[in-house]
Amino acid sequence: MTKLSDTPSVILSQAGQHEALLATASTNLPAAARQAVFRSMLKNQLLKELPAPAEYRDLGWRQD
């Protein structure tokens, strides 16, 4: 089992409470740190990257 630091733990907790189960990070977390956290969580299979529903596109952590 992966031991989580505070930031990933909060992100997963909030995602579990989100109506669409979307993971978001606090806006006071610097962008580089946000991306590092999300990449790490994806690598450890704690998150799965999917296209965001249209109404949540602004929550995307990256834009392609």
N, C-alpha and C. Protein backbone atom coordinates (compact mmCIF):
# COMPACT_ATOMS: atom_id res chain seq x y z
N MET A 1 0.83 -1.17 0.00
CA MET A 1 0.00 0.00 0.00
C MET A 1 0.89 1.25 0.00
N THR A 2 0.50 2.24 -0.78
CA THR A 2 1.25 3.48 -0.88
C THR A 2 0.90 4.39 0.28
N LYS A 3 1.93 4.91 0.95
CA LYS A 3 1.70 5.87 2.03
C LYS A 3 1.57 7.24 1.39
N LEU A 4 0.46 7.92 1.67
CA LEU A 4 0.19 9.21 1.06
C LEU A 4 0.60 10.37 1.96
N SER A 5 1.12 11.40 1.33
CA SER A 5 1.38 12.63 2.07
C SER A 5 0.05 13.38 2.17
N ASP A 6 0.07 14.53 2.81
CA ASP A 6 -1.17 15.29 3.02
C ASP A 6 -1.84 15.71 1.73
N THR A 7 -1.06 16.22 0.77
CA THR A 7 -1.66 16.76 -0.46
C THR A 7 -2.41 15.69 -1.25
N PRO A 8 -1.80 14.55 -1.59
CA PRO A 8 -2.56 13.52 -2.32
C PRO A 8 -3.76 13.00 -1.51
N SER A 9 -3.60 12.90 -0.21
CA SER A 9 -4.69 12.44 0.63
C SER A 9 -5.89 13.38 0.56
N VAL A 10 -5.63 14.69 0.61
CA VAL A 10 -6.70 15.68 0.51
C VAL A 10 -7.34 15.63 -0.87
N ILE A 11 -6.51 15.51 -1.92
CA ILE A 11 -7.04 15.45 -3.28
C ILE A 11 -7.97 14.25 -3.45
N LEU A 12 -7.57 13.08 -2.97
CA LEU A 12 -8.41 11.89 -3.10
C LEU A 12 -9.67 11.99 -2.26
N SER A 13 -9.56 12.57 -1.09
CA SER A 13 -10.73 12.75 -0.23
C SER A 13 -11.75 13.67 -0.88
N GLN A 14 -11.28 14.77 -1.46
CA GLN A 14 -12.18 15.70 -2.12
C GLN A 14 -12.77 15.09 -3.39
N ALA A 15 -11.97 14.30 -4.11
CA ALA A 15 -12.48 13.65 -5.32
C ALA A 15 -13.61 12.68 -4.98
N GLY A 16 -13.48 11.99 -3.87
CA GLY A 16 -14.53 11.07 -3.45
C GLY A 16 -15.83 11.77 -3.12
N GLN A 17 -15.75 13.05 -2.78
CA GLN A 17 -16.95 13.81 -2.43
C GLN A 17 -17.48 14.62 -3.61
N HIS A 18 -16.72 14.72 -4.69
CA HIS A 18 -17.14 15.48 -5.87
C HIS A 18 -18.22 14.69 -6.60
N GLU A 19 -19.25 15.40 -7.09
CA GLU A 19 -20.38 14.71 -7.73
C GLU A 19 -19.96 13.89 -8.95
N ALA A 20 -18.90 14.32 -9.65
CA ALA A 20 -18.42 13.58 -10.82
C ALA A 20 -17.13 12.81 -10.51
N LEU A 21 -16.77 12.73 -9.24
CA LEU A 21 -15.55 12.05 -8.76
C LEU A 21 -14.28 12.60 -9.41
N LEU A 22 -14.25 13.91 -9.64
CA LEU A 22 -13.08 14.54 -10.25
C LEU A 22 -12.10 14.99 -9.18
N ALA A 23 -10.83 14.77 -9.45
CA ALA A 23 -9.77 15.19 -8.53
C ALA A 23 -9.34 16.61 -8.87
N THR A 24 -9.32 17.47 -7.88
CA THR A 24 -8.86 18.85 -8.05
C THR A 24 -7.88 19.17 -6.93
N ALA A 25 -7.00 20.11 -7.20
CA ALA A 25 -6.03 20.54 -6.19
C ALA A 25 -6.33 21.97 -5.80
N SER A 26 -5.90 22.33 -4.63
CA SER A 26 -6.09 23.68 -4.13
C SER A 26 -5.40 24.69 -5.05
N THR A 27 -6.04 25.82 -5.26
CA THR A 27 -5.45 26.85 -6.12
C THR A 27 -4.26 27.54 -5.47
N ASN A 28 -4.10 27.38 -4.16
CA ASN A 28 -2.94 28.00 -3.52
C ASN A 28 -1.69 27.12 -3.63
N LEU A 29 -1.82 25.95 -4.22
CA LEU A 29 -0.68 25.08 -4.50
C LEU A 29 -0.08 25.53 -5.83
N PRO A 30 1.21 25.85 -5.88
CA PRO A 30 1.83 26.31 -7.13
C PRO A 30 1.60 25.31 -8.27
N ALA A 31 1.51 25.83 -9.48
CA ALA A 31 1.21 25.01 -10.66
C ALA A 31 2.19 23.85 -10.83
N ALA A 32 3.47 24.12 -10.65
CA ALA A 32 4.47 23.05 -10.82
C ALA A 32 4.27 21.95 -9.78
N ALA A 33 3.94 22.33 -8.57
CA ALA A 33 3.70 21.34 -7.52
C ALA A 33 2.44 20.55 -7.82
N ARG A 34 1.40 21.23 -8.30
CA ARG A 34 0.15 20.54 -8.67
C ARG A 34 0.42 19.48 -9.72
N GLN A 35 1.16 19.87 -10.75
CA GLN A 35 1.44 18.92 -11.83
C GLN A 35 2.28 17.75 -11.33
N ALA A 36 3.24 18.02 -10.47
CA ALA A 36 4.07 16.94 -9.92
C ALA A 36 3.23 15.97 -9.10
N VAL A 37 2.33 16.50 -8.29
CA VAL A 37 1.47 15.65 -7.47
C VAL A 37 0.57 14.79 -8.35
N PHE A 38 -0.07 15.41 -9.35
CA PHE A 38 -0.96 14.64 -10.22
C PHE A 38 -0.20 13.61 -11.03
N ARG A 39 0.96 13.95 -11.53
CA ARG A 39 1.76 12.96 -12.29
C ARG A 39 2.13 11.78 -11.42
N SER A 40 2.53 12.07 -10.18
CA SER A 40 2.89 11.01 -9.25
C SER A 40 1.69 10.12 -8.94
N MET A 41 0.54 10.73 -8.75
CA MET A 41 -0.66 9.96 -8.44
C MET A 41 -1.08 9.11 -9.64
N LEU A 42 -0.92 9.63 -10.85
CA LEU A 42 -1.22 8.85 -12.05
C LEU A 42 -0.25 7.68 -12.18
N LYS A 43 1.03 7.95 -11.94
CA LYS A 43 2.06 6.91 -12.04
C LYS A 43 1.79 5.77 -11.06
N ASN A 44 1.34 6.13 -9.85
CA ASN A 44 1.06 5.13 -8.82
C ASN A 44 -0.37 4.57 -8.91
N GLN A 45 -1.04 4.89 -10.00
CA GLN A 45 -2.39 4.40 -10.29
C GLN A 45 -3.40 4.76 -9.20
N LEU A 46 -3.21 5.93 -8.59
CA LEU A 46 -4.17 6.43 -7.62
C LEU A 46 -5.27 7.24 -8.32
N LEU A 47 -4.95 7.70 -9.53
CA LEU A 47 -5.90 8.43 -10.36
C LEU A 47 -5.87 7.83 -11.75
N LYS A 48 -6.94 8.06 -12.47
CA LYS A 48 -7.02 7.65 -13.86
C LYS A 48 -7.36 8.90 -14.67
N GLU A 49 -6.59 9.17 -15.70
CA GLU A 49 -6.81 10.37 -16.51
C GLU A 49 -7.84 10.07 -17.60
N LEU A 50 -8.88 10.87 -17.59
CA LEU A 50 -9.95 10.77 -18.57
C LEU A 50 -10.29 12.17 -19.06
N PRO A 51 -10.89 12.27 -20.25
CA PRO A 51 -11.36 13.59 -20.68
C PRO A 51 -12.43 14.10 -19.70
N ALA A 52 -12.34 15.36 -19.35
CA ALA A 52 -13.30 15.94 -18.41
C ALA A 52 -14.64 16.15 -19.10
N PRO A 53 -15.73 15.95 -18.37
CA PRO A 53 -17.04 16.29 -18.92
C PRO A 53 -17.06 17.78 -19.28
N ALA A 54 -17.85 18.14 -20.26
CA ALA A 54 -17.88 19.52 -20.77
C ALA A 54 -18.06 20.55 -19.67
N GLU A 55 -18.92 20.29 -18.71
CA GLU A 55 -19.17 21.28 -17.67
C GLU A 55 -18.02 21.44 -16.67
N TYR A 56 -17.03 20.56 -16.73
CA TYR A 56 -15.88 20.63 -15.81
C TYR A 56 -14.55 20.86 -16.54
N ARG A 57 -14.57 21.29 -17.79
CA ARG A 57 -13.34 21.46 -18.55
C ARG A 57 -12.38 22.44 -17.89
N ASP A 58 -12.89 23.43 -17.17
CA ASP A 58 -12.01 24.41 -16.52
C ASP A 58 -11.23 23.84 -15.35
N LEU A 59 -11.60 22.65 -14.88
CA LEU A 59 -10.88 22.01 -13.79
C LEU A 59 -9.69 21.18 -14.27
N GLY A 60 -9.53 21.05 -15.57
CA GLY A 60 -8.44 20.23 -16.11
C GLY A 60 -7.08 20.68 -15.63
N TRP A 61 -6.22 19.74 -15.33
CA TRP A 61 -4.88 20.08 -14.84
C TRP A 61 -3.91 20.31 -15.99
N ARG A 62 -4.35 19.93 -17.19
CA ARG A 62 -3.56 20.23 -18.38
C ARG A 62 -4.51 20.34 -19.56
N GLN A 63 -4.06 21.04 -20.57
CA GLN A 63 -4.87 21.24 -21.76
C GLN A 63 -4.12 20.68 -22.95
N ASP A 64 -4.77 19.88 -23.77
CA ASP A 64 -4.14 19.35 -24.98
C ASP A 64 -4.74 20.02 -26.19
